[in-house]
Amino acid sequence: MIETDILIIGAGPCGLFTVFEAGLLKLRCHLIDSLPEPGGQCAEIYPKKPIFDIPAFPEILAGELVENLMRQIEPFKPGFTLGESAVTIEKDQENKFVITTNKGTKHRAPIVAIAGGLGVFSPRKPPIQELSRFEDKGVEYIIKDPEMYRGRDVVISGGGDSALDWAIFLSEGVANTVTLVHRRKGFKGHPDSAQKVLDLAEKGKIRFVADAEVIGVNGSEFLESLTVKHKEDGLMEIATDHWVPLFGLTPKLGPIADWGLEIEKNAIKVNTLDYSTNISGIYAIGDVNTYPGKLKLILCGFHEGTLMVQSAFKRLYPDKNLVLKYTTVNGITGFDE
């Protein structure tokens, strides 16, 4: 049984910053995340994408933001249960929450903060026979480590920001060849990225196949080629080592939706006084919550986490007088162990 003061479900930026704010109040935190590393979407989906609305950072890569947050919370020694999803919740005899993951790991805390972003992400998979046979054997839905594609032939499908950004990135000295297959000639992604892809295609660094879609995957043990249907030219076969269909991710609350929380449009309703839910002792911060005027920004999630830990402290220590102490005066005092 893992014991802590605040159990945070979700190790994205909002969950990580909550560790810092809780640490200032001498509250210990443990985080659960279904992803294999901290950082949420910023680390898993778009670590190389720039973010422009973090105070004091005119521009910072999503992955760098996560690295900075990890350094910031290091003095408060948070615990992590990674690669596991929170599944069940119950109250014990001491009125504390016991949360069990899909792998059976049990956690116990008087306060639970749900910071699960948009929830559990499932990739939108194209309806292709035998697709599952090549998953992790040449077919990937998320690019986690670009080095995996070094010197390889890669086909990317999609016309959104992720497809454009990765096609550009891999074409710049990483992959051997990059082919971008898209059902239309135009893109949904950022115009600058779209133009860069077209410029790279003109220079021969990206092969752009428009008005086409992948309809078949071929190979013995690993992916060897794709069958592509072109609107005018009919069927063609493209030899490749990897196919990355980037058609977006579908977010769902997952098992948390069955915990008795008040849900509205796949988000958890909260009181903006302290971002508490309808269940006493459970809070929700970041993209996972909803309230009138909600903005799904990392900046807003930081604010929500800050107010939430103040409320959590008062719930844990109702007889203690909580006085706001400025870090500019008191500095940062971490935990010894």
C-alpha atoms as a PDB file:
ATOM      1  CA  MET A   1       0.000   0.000   0.000  1.00  0.00           C
ATOM      2  CA  ILE A   2       1.438   3.368  -1.062  1.00  0.00           C
ATOM      3  CA  GLU A   3       0.551   6.089   1.477  1.00  0.00           C
ATOM      4  CA  THR A   4       0.619   9.824   0.780  1.00  0.00           C
ATOM      5  CA  ASP A   5      -1.129  13.099   1.658  1.00  0.00           C
ATOM      6  CA  ILE A   6      -2.399  13.916  -1.846  1.00  0.00           C
ATOM      7  CA  LEU A   7      -2.814  11.261  -4.502  1.00  0.00           C
ATOM      8  CA  ILE A   8      -2.658  12.892  -7.939  1.00  0.00           C
ATOM      9  CA  ILE A   9      -4.133  11.020 -10.889  1.00  0.00           C
ATOM     10  CA  GLY A  10      -2.324  12.311 -13.946  1.00  0.00           C
ATOM     11  CA  ALA A  11       1.330  13.335 -14.204  1.00  0.00           C
ATOM     12  CA  GLY A  12       0.940  16.032 -16.844  1.00  0.00           C
ATOM     13  CA  PRO A  13       2.059  19.635 -16.287  1.00  0.00           C
ATOM     14  CA  CYS A  14      -0.876  20.483 -13.971  1.00  0.00           C
ATOM     15  CA  GLY A  15      -0.332  17.401 -11.845  1.00  0.00           C
ATOM     16  CA  LEU A  16       3.407  18.057 -11.623  1.00  0.00           C
ATOM     17  CA  PHE A  17       3.008  21.716 -10.622  1.00  0.00           C
ATOM     18  CA  THR A  18       0.509  20.687  -7.944  1.00  0.00           C
ATOM     19  CA  VAL A  19       3.350  18.717  -6.313  1.00  0.00           C
ATOM     20  CA  PHE A  20       5.290  21.987  -5.994  1.00  0.00           C
ATOM     21  CA  GLU A  21       2.410  23.928  -4.465  1.00  0.00           C
ATOM     22  CA  ALA A  22       1.622  21.058  -2.096  1.00  0.00           C
ATOM     23  CA  GLY A  23       5.279  20.805  -1.102  1.00  0.00           C
ATOM     24  CA  LEU A  24       5.293  24.439  -0.012  1.00  0.00           C
ATOM     25  CA  LEU A  25       2.605  23.428   2.506  1.00  0.00           C
ATOM     26  CA  LYS A  26       4.591  20.336   3.580  1.00  0.00           C
ATOM     27  CA  LEU A  27       2.112  17.986   1.924  1.00  0.00           C
ATOM     28  CA  ARG A  28       3.524  14.907   0.215  1.00  0.00           C
ATOM     29  CA  CYS A  29       2.270  13.754  -3.167  1.00  0.00           C
ATOM     30  CA  HIS A  30       2.216  10.566  -5.204  1.00  0.00           C
ATOM     31  CA  LEU A  31       1.189  10.500  -8.876  1.00  0.00           C
ATOM     32  CA  ILE A  32      -0.445   7.769 -10.979  1.00  0.00           C
ATOM     33  CA  ASP A  33      -0.272   7.913 -14.774  1.00  0.00           C
ATOM     34  CA  SER A  34      -1.079   5.399 -17.495  1.00  0.00           C
ATOM     35  CA  LEU A  35       1.827   6.700 -19.577  1.00  0.00           C
ATOM     36  CA  PRO A  36       5.331   5.285 -19.009  1.00  0.00           C
ATOM     37  CA  GLU A  37       6.870   8.660 -18.122  1.00  0.00           C
ATOM     38  CA  PRO A  38       5.762  11.932 -16.479  1.00  0.00           C
ATOM     39  CA  GLY A  39       4.593  14.822 -18.634  1.00  0.00           C
ATOM     40  CA  GLY A  40       1.252  13.727 -20.082  1.00  0.00           C
ATOM     41  CA  GLN A  41       0.544  14.841 -23.644  1.00  0.00           C
ATOM     42  CA  CYS A  42       3.528  17.199 -23.555  1.00  0.00           C
ATOM     43  CA  ALA A  43       5.935  14.288 -23.177  1.00  0.00           C
ATOM     44  CA  GLU A  44       4.044  11.573 -25.038  1.00  0.00           C
ATOM     45  CA  ILE A  45       2.404  13.251 -28.017  1.00  0.00           C
ATOM     46  CA  TYR A  46       4.194  16.501 -28.859  1.00  0.00           C
ATOM     47  CA  PRO A  47       7.481  16.895 -26.909  1.00  0.00           C
ATOM     48  CA  LYS A  48       9.007  18.866 -29.793  1.00  0.00           C
ATOM     49  CA  LYS A  49       6.129  21.324 -30.171  1.00  0.00           C
ATOM     50  CA  PRO A  50       6.676  24.901 -28.935  1.00  0.00           C
ATOM     51  CA  ILE A  51       4.364  26.436 -26.329  1.00  0.00           C
ATOM     52  CA  PHE A  52       4.033  30.227 -26.332  1.00  0.00           C
ATOM     53  CA  ASP A  53       1.750  31.057 -23.384  1.00  0.00           C
ATOM     54  CA  ILE A  54       3.817  29.999 -20.357  1.00  0.00           C
ATOM     55  CA  PRO A  55       4.678  33.129 -18.302  1.00  0.00           C
ATOM     56  CA  ALA A  56       8.319  34.273 -18.640  1.00  0.00           C
ATOM     57  CA  PHE A  57       8.933  31.838 -21.521  1.00  0.00           C
ATOM     58  CA  PRO A  58       8.315  33.516 -24.908  1.00  0.00           C
ATOM     59  CA  GLU A  59       8.733  30.013 -26.345  1.00  0.00           C
ATOM     60  CA  ILE A  60       9.424  26.651 -24.732  1.00  0.00           C
ATOM     61  CA  LEU A  61       9.229  23.127 -26.149  1.00  0.00           C
ATOM     62  CA  ALA A  62       6.640  20.931 -24.450  1.00  0.00           C
ATOM     63  CA  GLY A  63       9.314  18.420 -23.480  1.00  0.00           C
ATOM     64  CA  GLU A  64      11.475  21.158 -21.957  1.00  0.00           C
ATOM     65  CA  LEU A  65       8.523  22.415 -19.914  1.00  0.00           C
ATOM     66  CA  VAL A  66       8.154  18.944 -18.424  1.00  0.00           C
ATOM     67  CA  GLU A  67      11.888  18.757 -17.670  1.00  0.00           C
ATOM     68  CA  ASN A  68      11.715  22.126 -15.877  1.00  0.00           C
ATOM     69  CA  LEU A  69       8.692  21.048 -13.841  1.00  0.00           C
ATOM     70  CA  MET A  70      10.474  17.838 -12.808  1.00  0.00           C
ATOM     71  CA  ARG A  71      13.447  19.875 -11.597  1.00  0.00           C
ATOM     72  CA  GLN A  72      11.135  22.266  -9.777  1.00  0.00           C
ATOM     73  CA  ILE A  73       9.422  19.497  -7.782  1.00  0.00           C
ATOM     74  CA  GLU A  74      12.572  17.480  -7.070  1.00  0.00           C
ATOM     75  CA  PRO A  75      12.998  18.940  -3.515  1.00  0.00           C
ATOM     76  CA  PHE A  76       9.564  17.565  -2.591  1.00  0.00           C
ATOM     77  CA  LYS A  77      10.410  13.982  -3.601  1.00  0.00           C
ATOM     78  CA  PRO A  78       7.114  12.869  -5.152  1.00  0.00           C
ATOM     79  CA  GLY A  79       6.396   9.199  -5.790  1.00  0.00           C
ATOM     80  CA  PHE A  80       5.273   7.865  -9.159  1.00  0.00           C
ATOM     81  CA  THR A  81       3.245   4.869 -10.294  1.00  0.00           C
ATOM     82  CA  LEU A  82       3.738   4.988 -14.083  1.00  0.00           C
ATOM     83  CA  GLY A  83       2.367   2.797 -16.835  1.00  0.00           C
ATOM     84  CA  GLU A  84      -0.708   2.015 -14.723  1.00  0.00           C
ATOM     85  CA  SER A  85      -4.260   3.396 -14.760  1.00  0.00           C
ATOM     86  CA  ALA A  86      -6.383   4.209 -11.728  1.00  0.00           C
ATOM     87  CA  VAL A  87      -9.368   1.860 -11.921  1.00  0.00           C
ATOM     88  CA  THR A  88     -11.270   1.558  -8.632  1.00  0.00           C
ATOM     89  CA  ILE A  89     -11.795   3.818  -5.628  1.00  0.00           C
ATOM     90  CA  GLU A  90     -13.217   3.074  -2.192  1.00  0.00           C
ATOM     91  CA  LYS A  91     -13.244   4.525   1.324  1.00  0.00           C
ATOM     92  CA  ASP A  92     -11.611   2.677   4.215  1.00  0.00           C
ATOM     93  CA  GLN A  93     -12.520   2.714   7.919  1.00  0.00           C
ATOM     94  CA  GLU A  94     -10.415   5.839   8.487  1.00  0.00           C
ATOM     95  CA  ASN A  95     -12.335   7.709   5.767  1.00  0.00           C
ATOM     96  CA  LYS A  96      -9.321   7.658   3.435  1.00  0.00           C
ATOM     97  CA  PHE A  97      -9.475   6.839  -0.251  1.00  0.00           C
ATOM     98  CA  VAL A  98      -7.980   3.579  -1.503  1.00  0.00           C
ATOM     99  CA  ILE A  99      -7.308   3.600  -5.244  1.00  0.00           C
ATOM    100  CA  THR A 100      -6.273   0.457  -7.094  1.00  0.00           C
ATOM    101  CA  THR A 101      -4.674   0.436 -10.561  1.00  0.00           C
ATOM    102  CA  ASN A 102      -5.226  -1.958 -13.429  1.00  0.00           C
ATOM    103  CA  LYS A 103      -2.093  -3.811 -12.283  1.00  0.00           C
ATOM    104  CA  GLY A 104      -3.294  -4.149  -8.706  1.00  0.00           C
ATOM    105  CA  THR A 105      -1.127  -1.432  -7.101  1.00  0.00           C
ATOM    106  CA  LYS A 106      -2.959   0.073  -4.132  1.00  0.00           C
ATOM    107  CA  HIS A 107      -2.654   3.697  -2.987  1.00  0.00           C
ATOM    108  CA  ARG A 108      -4.120   5.327   0.119  1.00  0.00           C
ATOM    109  CA  ALA A 109      -4.634   9.047   0.753  1.00  0.00           C
ATOM    110  CA  PRO A 110      -7.098  11.434   2.426  1.00  0.00           C
ATOM    111  CA  ILE A 111      -7.093  13.713  -0.633  1.00  0.00           C
ATOM    112  CA  VAL A 112      -7.389  12.782  -4.323  1.00  0.00           C
ATOM    113  CA  ALA A 113      -6.638  15.281  -7.091  1.00  0.00           C
ATOM    114  CA  ILE A 114      -7.711  14.207 -10.576  1.00  0.00           C
ATOM    115  CA  ALA A 115      -5.421  15.915 -13.071  1.00  0.00           C
ATOM    116  CA  GLY A 116      -5.944  13.486 -15.919  1.00  0.00           C
ATOM    117  CA  GLY A 117      -5.956  16.006 -18.755  1.00  0.00           C
ATOM    118  CA  LEU A 118      -8.538  15.028 -21.344  1.00  0.00           C
ATOM    119  CA  GLY A 119      -8.586  11.493 -19.976  1.00  0.00           C
ATOM    120  CA  VAL A 120      -7.311   8.229 -21.412  1.00  0.00           C
ATOM    121  CA  PHE A 121      -6.331   8.596 -25.053  1.00  0.00           C
ATOM    122  CA  SER A 122      -7.115   6.003 -27.694  1.00  0.00           C
ATOM    123  CA  PRO A 123      -5.759   6.482 -31.215  1.00  0.00           C
ATOM    124  CA  ARG A 124      -8.230   6.704 -34.059  1.00  0.00           C
ATOM    125  CA  LYS A 125      -7.334   3.629 -36.088  1.00  0.00           C
ATOM    126  CA  PRO A 126      -8.111   3.267 -39.793  1.00  0.00           C
ATOM    127  CA  PRO A 127     -10.476   0.363 -40.624  1.00  0.00           C
ATOM    128  CA  ILE A 128      -7.895  -1.888 -42.249  1.00  0.00           C
ATOM    129  CA  GLN A 129      -7.833  -5.678 -42.063  1.00  0.00           C
ATOM    130  CA  GLU A 130      -4.868  -7.209 -40.223  1.00  0.00           C
ATOM    131  CA  LEU A 131      -3.816  -3.779 -38.930  1.00  0.00           C
ATOM    132  CA  SER A 132      -3.458  -5.086 -35.377  1.00  0.00           C
ATOM    133  CA  ARG A 133      -1.027  -7.762 -36.591  1.00  0.00           C
ATOM    134  CA  PHE A 134       1.553  -5.064 -37.373  1.00  0.00           C
ATOM    135  CA  GLU A 135       1.047  -2.860 -34.331  1.00  0.00           C
ATOM    136  CA  ASP A 136       4.493  -2.308 -32.769  1.00  0.00           C
ATOM    137  CA  LYS A 137       5.901  -4.242 -35.713  1.00  0.00           C
ATOM    138  CA  GLY A 138       6.015  -1.303 -38.076  1.00  0.00           C
ATOM    139  CA  VAL A 139       2.708   0.420 -37.298  1.00  0.00           C
ATOM    140  CA  GLU A 140       2.758   3.087 -34.575  1.00  0.00           C
ATOM    141  CA  TYR A 141       0.045   5.597 -33.668  1.00  0.00           C
ATOM    142  CA  ILE A 142       2.273   7.904 -31.593  1.00  0.00           C
ATOM    143  CA  ILE A 143       5.913   8.826 -32.188  1.00  0.00           C
ATOM    144  CA  LYS A 144       7.582   8.434 -28.817  1.00  0.00           C
ATOM    145  CA  ASP A 145      11.259   8.227 -29.785  1.00  0.00           C
ATOM    146  CA  PRO A 146      12.260   9.794 -33.137  1.00  0.00           C
ATOM    147  CA  GLU A 147      15.547   7.863 -33.034  1.00  0.00           C
ATOM    148  CA  MET A 148      13.542   4.730 -33.719  1.00  0.00           C
ATOM    149  CA  TYR A 149      13.113   6.011 -37.279  1.00  0.00           C
ATOM    150  CA  ARG A 150      16.717   6.954 -37.963  1.00  0.00           C
ATOM    151  CA  GLY A 151      17.805   5.663 -41.353  1.00  0.00           C
ATOM    152  CA  ARG A 152      14.439   3.989 -41.965  1.00  0.00           C
ATOM    153  CA  ASP A 153      11.745   4.464 -44.592  1.00  0.00           C
ATOM    154  CA  VAL A 154       8.685   6.062 -43.002  1.00  0.00           C
ATOM    155  CA  VAL A 155       5.151   6.733 -44.242  1.00  0.00           C
ATOM    156  CA  ILE A 156       2.974   9.184 -42.309  1.00  0.00           C
ATOM    157  CA  SER A 157      -0.758   9.560 -42.895  1.00  0.00           C
ATOM    158  CA  GLY A 158      -2.789  12.606 -41.929  1.00  0.00           C
ATOM    159  CA  GLY A 159      -3.116  16.316 -42.571  1.00  0.00           C
ATOM    160  CA  GLY A 160      -3.169  17.803 -39.075  1.00  0.00           C
ATOM    161  CA  ASP A 161      -0.413  19.454 -37.057  1.00  0.00           C
ATOM    162  CA  SER A 162       1.061  16.204 -35.734  1.00  0.00           C
ATOM    163  CA  ALA A 163       1.383  14.679 -39.209  1.00  0.00           C
ATOM    164  CA  LEU A 164       2.956  17.845 -40.639  1.00  0.00           C
ATOM    165  CA  ASP A 165       5.312  18.419 -37.715  1.00  0.00           C
ATOM    166  CA  TRP A 166       6.627  14.854 -37.666  1.00  0.00           C
ATOM    167  CA  ALA A 167       6.988  14.702 -41.449  1.00  0.00           C
ATOM    168  CA  ILE A 168       9.132  17.851 -41.278  1.00  0.00           C
ATOM    169  CA  PHE A 169      11.140  16.654 -38.283  1.00  0.00           C
ATOM    170  CA  LEU A 170      11.903  13.181 -39.643  1.00  0.00           C
ATOM    171  CA  SER A 171      12.806  14.532 -43.081  1.00  0.00           C
ATOM    172  CA  GLU A 172      15.556  16.707 -41.614  1.00  0.00           C
ATOM    173  CA  GLY A 173      18.313  14.130 -41.343  1.00  0.00           C
ATOM    174  CA  VAL A 174      16.501  11.465 -39.306  1.00  0.00           C
ATOM    175  CA  ALA A 175      14.633   9.059 -41.596  1.00  0.00           C
ATOM    176  CA  ASN A 176      16.016   7.667 -44.842  1.00  0.00           C
ATOM    177  CA  THR A 177      12.814   8.598 -46.674  1.00  0.00           C
ATOM    178  CA  VAL A 178       9.574  10.271 -45.578  1.00  0.00           C
ATOM    179  CA  THR A 179       6.302   9.874 -47.431  1.00  0.00           C
ATOM    180  CA  LEU A 180       3.219  11.838 -46.404  1.00  0.00           C
ATOM    181  CA  VAL A 181      -0.104  10.382 -47.545  1.00  0.00           C
ATOM    182  CA  HIS A 182      -3.195  12.571 -47.237  1.00  0.00           C
ATOM    183  CA  ARG A 183      -6.749  12.228 -48.506  1.00  0.00           C
ATOM    184  CA  ARG A 184      -6.789  15.835 -49.717  1.00  0.00           C
ATOM    185  CA  LYS A 185      -4.438  18.342 -51.300  1.00  0.00           C
ATOM    186  CA  GLY A 186      -4.969  20.835 -48.457  1.00  0.00           C
ATOM    187  CA  PHE A 187      -4.113  20.489 -44.777  1.00  0.00           C
ATOM    188  CA  LYS A 188      -5.883  21.120 -41.477  1.00  0.00           C
ATOM    189  CA  GLY A 189      -2.576  21.945 -39.777  1.00  0.00           C
ATOM    190  CA  HIS A 190      -0.886  25.301 -39.306  1.00  0.00           C
ATOM    191  CA  PRO A 191      -0.359  27.147 -42.625  1.00  0.00           C
ATOM    192  CA  ASP A 192       3.369  27.655 -41.917  1.00  0.00           C
ATOM    193  CA  SER A 193       3.862  23.920 -41.364  1.00  0.00           C
ATOM    194  CA  ALA A 194       1.805  23.107 -44.466  1.00  0.00           C
ATOM    195  CA  GLN A 195       3.933  25.413 -46.592  1.00  0.00           C
ATOM    196  CA  LYS A 196       7.132  23.923 -45.203  1.00  0.00           C
ATOM    197  CA  VAL A 197       5.949  20.430 -46.130  1.00  0.00           C
ATOM    198  CA  LEU A 198       5.175  21.581 -49.671  1.00  0.00           C
ATOM    199  CA  ASP A 199       8.594  23.267 -49.909  1.00  0.00           C
ATOM    200  CA  LEU A 200      10.342  20.091 -48.712  1.00  0.00           C
ATOM    201  CA  ALA A 201       8.298  18.051 -51.202  1.00  0.00           C
ATOM    202  CA  GLU A 202       9.440  20.343 -54.000  1.00  0.00           C
ATOM    203  CA  LYS A 203      13.053  19.800 -52.919  1.00  0.00           C
ATOM    204  CA  GLY A 204      12.540  16.024 -52.885  1.00  0.00           C
ATOM    205  CA  LYS A 205      12.994  15.658 -49.124  1.00  0.00           C
ATOM    206  CA  ILE A 206       9.384  14.564 -48.591  1.00  0.00           C
ATOM    207  CA  ARG A 207       7.279  12.513 -50.969  1.00  0.00           C
ATOM    208  CA  PHE A 208       3.777  13.953 -50.767  1.00  0.00           C
ATOM    209  CA  VAL A 209       0.981  11.694 -52.030  1.00  0.00           C
ATOM    210  CA  ALA A 210      -2.266  13.701 -52.029  1.00  0.00           C
ATOM    211  CA  ASP A 211      -5.803  12.536 -52.777  1.00  0.00           C
ATOM    212  CA  ALA A 212      -4.897   9.100 -51.491  1.00  0.00           C
ATOM    213  CA  GLU A 213      -5.295   6.844 -48.475  1.00  0.00           C
ATOM    214  CA  VAL A 214      -3.713   3.662 -47.172  1.00  0.00           C
ATOM    215  CA  ILE A 215      -6.092   0.713 -47.514  1.00  0.00           C
ATOM    216  CA  GLY A 216      -3.800  -2.249 -46.837  1.00  0.00           C
ATOM    217  CA  VAL A 217      -0.795  -3.365 -44.777  1.00  0.00           C
ATOM    218  CA  ASN A 218       1.541  -6.045 -46.066  1.00  0.00           C
ATOM    219  CA  GLY A 219       4.410  -8.118 -44.719  1.00  0.00           C
ATOM    220  CA  SER A 220       5.298 -11.411 -43.083  1.00  0.00           C
ATOM    221  CA  GLU A 221       6.429 -10.838 -39.491  1.00  0.00           C
ATOM    222  CA  PHE A 222       7.038  -7.072 -39.782  1.00  0.00           C
ATOM    223  CA  LEU A 223       5.507  -4.372 -41.976  1.00  0.00           C
ATOM    224  CA  GLU A 224       7.073  -4.345 -45.444  1.00  0.00           C
ATOM    225  CA  SER A 225       4.736  -2.263 -47.598  1.00  0.00           C
ATOM    226  CA  LEU A 226       1.443  -0.388 -47.791  1.00  0.00           C
ATOM    227  CA  THR A 227      -1.307  -0.561 -50.360  1.00  0.00           C
ATOM    228  CA  VAL A 228      -2.427   2.960 -51.228  1.00  0.00           C
ATOM    229  CA  LYS A 229      -5.548   3.911 -53.167  1.00  0.00           C
ATOM    230  CA  HIS A 230      -5.119   7.095 -55.202  1.00  0.00           C
ATOM    231  CA  LYS A 231      -8.183   8.989 -56.402  1.00  0.00           C
ATOM    232  CA  GLU A 232      -6.929   9.159 -60.019  1.00  0.00           C
ATOM    233  CA  ASP A 233      -4.076   6.652 -60.338  1.00  0.00           C
ATOM    234  CA  GLY A 234      -5.776   3.740 -58.585  1.00  0.00           C
ATOM    235  CA  LEU A 235      -3.814   1.274 -56.437  1.00  0.00           C
ATOM    236  CA  MET A 236      -0.100   1.606 -55.705  1.00  0.00           C
ATOM    237  CA  GLU A 237       2.275  -0.104 -53.324  1.00  0.00           C
ATOM    238  CA  ILE A 238       4.785   1.796 -51.165  1.00  0.00           C
ATOM    239  CA  ALA A 239       7.635  -0.113 -49.542  1.00  0.00           C
ATOM    240  CA  THR A 240       8.271   1.071 -45.988  1.00  0.00           C
ATOM    241  CA  ASP A 241       9.645   0.095 -42.595  1.00  0.00           C
ATOM    242  CA  HIS A 242       7.132   2.145 -40.600  1.00  0.00           C
ATOM    243  CA  TRP A 243       3.647   3.520 -41.025  1.00  0.00           C
ATOM    244  CA  VAL A 244       2.427   6.205 -38.606  1.00  0.00           C
ATOM    245  CA  PRO A 245      -1.286   6.986 -39.130  1.00  0.00           C
ATOM    246  CA  LEU A 246      -1.834  10.249 -37.247  1.00  0.00           C
ATOM    247  CA  PHE A 247      -5.605  10.654 -37.327  1.00  0.00           C
ATOM    248  CA  GLY A 248      -5.892  12.069 -33.826  1.00  0.00           C
ATOM    249  CA  LEU A 249      -6.667  10.648 -30.412  1.00  0.00           C
ATOM    250  CA  THR A 250     -10.055  10.072 -28.825  1.00  0.00           C
ATOM    251  CA  PRO A 251     -10.118  11.081 -25.132  1.00  0.00           C
ATOM    252  CA  LYS A 252     -12.296   9.254 -22.614  1.00  0.00           C
ATOM    253  CA  LEU A 253     -12.542   9.549 -18.845  1.00  0.00           C
ATOM    254  CA  GLY A 254     -12.160   5.786 -18.575  1.00  0.00           C
ATOM    255  CA  PRO A 255     -12.891   4.085 -15.220  1.00  0.00           C
ATOM    256  CA  ILE A 256     -12.993   7.466 -13.429  1.00  0.00           C
ATOM    257  CA  ALA A 257     -16.379   8.039 -15.083  1.00  0.00           C
ATOM    258  CA  ASP A 258     -17.787   5.295 -12.819  1.00  0.00           C
ATOM    259  CA  TRP A 259     -16.623   6.817  -9.524  1.00  0.00           C
ATOM    260  CA  GLY A 260     -19.848   8.704  -8.825  1.00  0.00           C
ATOM    261  CA  LEU A 261     -18.489  12.092  -9.853  1.00  0.00           C
ATOM    262  CA  GLU A 262     -20.753  14.647 -11.511  1.00  0.00           C
ATOM    263  CA  ILE A 263     -19.905  14.506 -15.219  1.00  0.00           C
ATOM    264  CA  GLU A 264     -20.796  16.968 -17.965  1.00  0.00           C
ATOM    265  CA  LYS A 265     -19.709  16.343 -21.566  1.00  0.00           C
ATOM    266  CA  ASN A 266     -16.889  13.964 -20.615  1.00  0.00           C
ATOM    267  CA  ALA A 267     -15.504  16.381 -17.983  1.00  0.00           C
ATOM    268  CA  ILE A 268     -15.817  16.547 -14.188  1.00  0.00           C
ATOM    269  CA  LYS A 269     -17.907  19.393 -12.766  1.00  0.00           C
ATOM    270  CA  VAL A 270     -16.147  21.377 -10.018  1.00  0.00           C
ATOM    271  CA  ASN A 271     -16.725  24.274  -7.646  1.00  0.00           C
ATOM    272  CA  THR A 272     -14.485  27.170  -8.689  1.00  0.00           C
ATOM    273  CA  LEU A 273     -13.961  28.124  -5.043  1.00  0.00           C
ATOM    274  CA  ASP A 274     -11.382  25.342  -4.718  1.00  0.00           C
ATOM    275  CA  TYR A 275     -12.002  22.971  -7.692  1.00  0.00           C
ATOM    276  CA  SER A 276     -13.639  20.397  -5.446  1.00  0.00           C
ATOM    277  CA  THR A 277     -16.011  17.819  -6.915  1.00  0.00           C
ATOM    278  CA  ASN A 278     -19.336  16.564  -5.585  1.00  0.00           C
ATOM    279  CA  ILE A 279     -17.401  13.969  -3.531  1.00  0.00           C
ATOM    280  CA  SER A 280     -15.778  15.471  -0.438  1.00  0.00           C
ATOM    281  CA  GLY A 281     -11.993  15.092  -0.577  1.00  0.00           C
ATOM    282  CA  ILE A 282     -11.794  14.642  -4.358  1.00  0.00           C
ATOM    283  CA  TYR A 283     -10.716  17.563  -6.550  1.00  0.00           C
ATOM    284  CA  ALA A 284     -10.325  17.899 -10.327  1.00  0.00           C
ATOM    285  CA  ILE A 285      -7.910  20.311 -12.023  1.00  0.00           C
ATOM    286  CA  GLY A 286      -6.773  21.018 -15.569  1.00  0.00           C
ATOM    287  CA  ASP A 287      -8.444  19.888 -18.777  1.00  0.00           C
ATOM    288  CA  VAL A 288     -10.353  17.093 -17.002  1.00  0.00           C
ATOM    289  CA  ASN A 289     -12.677  19.546 -15.205  1.00  0.00           C
ATOM    290  CA  THR A 290     -15.424  21.877 -16.340  1.00  0.00           C
ATOM    291  CA  TYR A 291     -17.098  25.010 -14.961  1.00  0.00           C
ATOM    292  CA  PRO A 292     -18.613  28.201 -16.416  1.00  0.00           C
ATOM    293  CA  GLY A 293     -15.917  30.098 -18.309  1.00  0.00           C
ATOM    294  CA  LYS A 294     -13.471  27.159 -18.345  1.00  0.00           C
ATOM    295  CA  LEU A 295     -10.373  27.620 -20.524  1.00  0.00           C
ATOM    296  CA  LYS A 296      -8.319  24.538 -21.344  1.00  0.00           C
ATOM    297  CA  LEU A 297      -4.894  26.100 -20.898  1.00  0.00           C
ATOM    298  CA  ILE A 298      -1.887  24.832 -18.937  1.00  0.00           C
ATOM    299  CA  LEU A 299      -1.722  28.282 -17.336  1.00  0.00           C
ATOM    300  CA  CYS A 300      -5.250  27.890 -15.934  1.00  0.00           C
ATOM    301  CA  GLY A 301      -4.473  24.399 -14.659  1.00  0.00           C
ATOM    302  CA  PHE A 302      -1.522  25.774 -12.666  1.00  0.00           C
ATOM    303  CA  HIS A 303      -3.883  28.266 -11.013  1.00  0.00           C
ATOM    304  CA  GLU A 304      -6.452  25.574 -10.239  1.00  0.00           C
ATOM    305  CA  GLY A 305      -3.825  23.321  -8.653  1.00  0.00           C
ATOM    306  CA  THR A 306      -2.577  26.188  -6.485  1.00  0.00           C
ATOM    307  CA  LEU A 307      -6.009  26.931  -5.019  1.00  0.00           C
ATOM    308  CA  MET A 308      -6.791  23.239  -4.684  1.00  0.00           C
ATOM    309  CA  VAL A 309      -3.860  22.479  -2.354  1.00  0.00           C
ATOM    310  CA  GLN A 310      -4.818  25.408  -0.116  1.00  0.00           C
ATOM    311  CA  SER A 311      -8.251  23.830   0.303  1.00  0.00           C
ATOM    312  CA  ALA A 312      -6.738  20.381   0.797  1.00  0.00           C
ATOM    313  CA  PHE A 313      -4.510  21.681   3.604  1.00  0.00           C
ATOM    314  CA  LYS A 314      -7.524  23.194   5.417  1.00  0.00           C
ATOM    315  CA  ARG A 315      -9.400  19.910   5.017  1.00  0.00           C
ATOM    316  CA  LEU A 316      -6.477  17.934   6.469  1.00  0.00           C
ATOM    317  CA  TYR A 317      -5.630  20.420   9.236  1.00  0.00           C
ATOM    318  CA  PRO A 318      -8.804  22.356  10.099  1.00  0.00           C
ATOM    319  CA  ASP A 319      -7.324  23.640  13.360  1.00  0.00           C
ATOM    320  CA  LYS A 320      -4.139  25.032  11.832  1.00  0.00           C
ATOM    321  CA  ASN A 321      -3.911  28.638  10.718  1.00  0.00           C
ATOM    322  CA  LEU A 322      -2.691  28.659   7.111  1.00  0.00           C
ATOM    323  CA  VAL A 323      -0.728  31.811   6.321  1.00  0.00           C
ATOM    324  CA  LEU A 324       0.383  32.443   2.742  1.00  0.00           C
ATOM    325  CA  LYS A 325       4.182  32.516   2.649  1.00  0.00           C
ATOM    326  CA  TYR A 326       5.910  34.011  -0.354  1.00  0.00           C
ATOM    327  CA  THR A 327       8.739  31.951  -1.836  1.00  0.00           C
ATOM    328  CA  THR A 328      10.654  35.187  -2.481  1.00  0.00           C
ATOM    329  CA  VAL A 329      10.856  35.612   1.305  1.00  0.00           C
ATOM    330  CA  ASN A 330      11.001  32.048   2.603  1.00  0.00           C
ATOM    331  CA  GLY A 331      12.728  30.284  -0.287  1.00  0.00           C
ATOM    332  CA  ILE A 332      12.136  26.585  -0.975  1.00  0.00           C
ATOM    333  CA  THR A 333      12.562  24.052   1.813  1.00  0.00           C
ATOM    334  CA  GLY A 334      12.262  20.515   0.509  1.00  0.00           C
ATOM    335  CA  PHE A 335      11.733  17.204   2.274  1.00  0.00           C
ATOM    336  CA  ASP A 336      14.688  15.439   3.865  1.00  0.00           C
ATOM    337  CA  GLU A 337      13.652  11.966   2.809  1.00  0.00           C
END
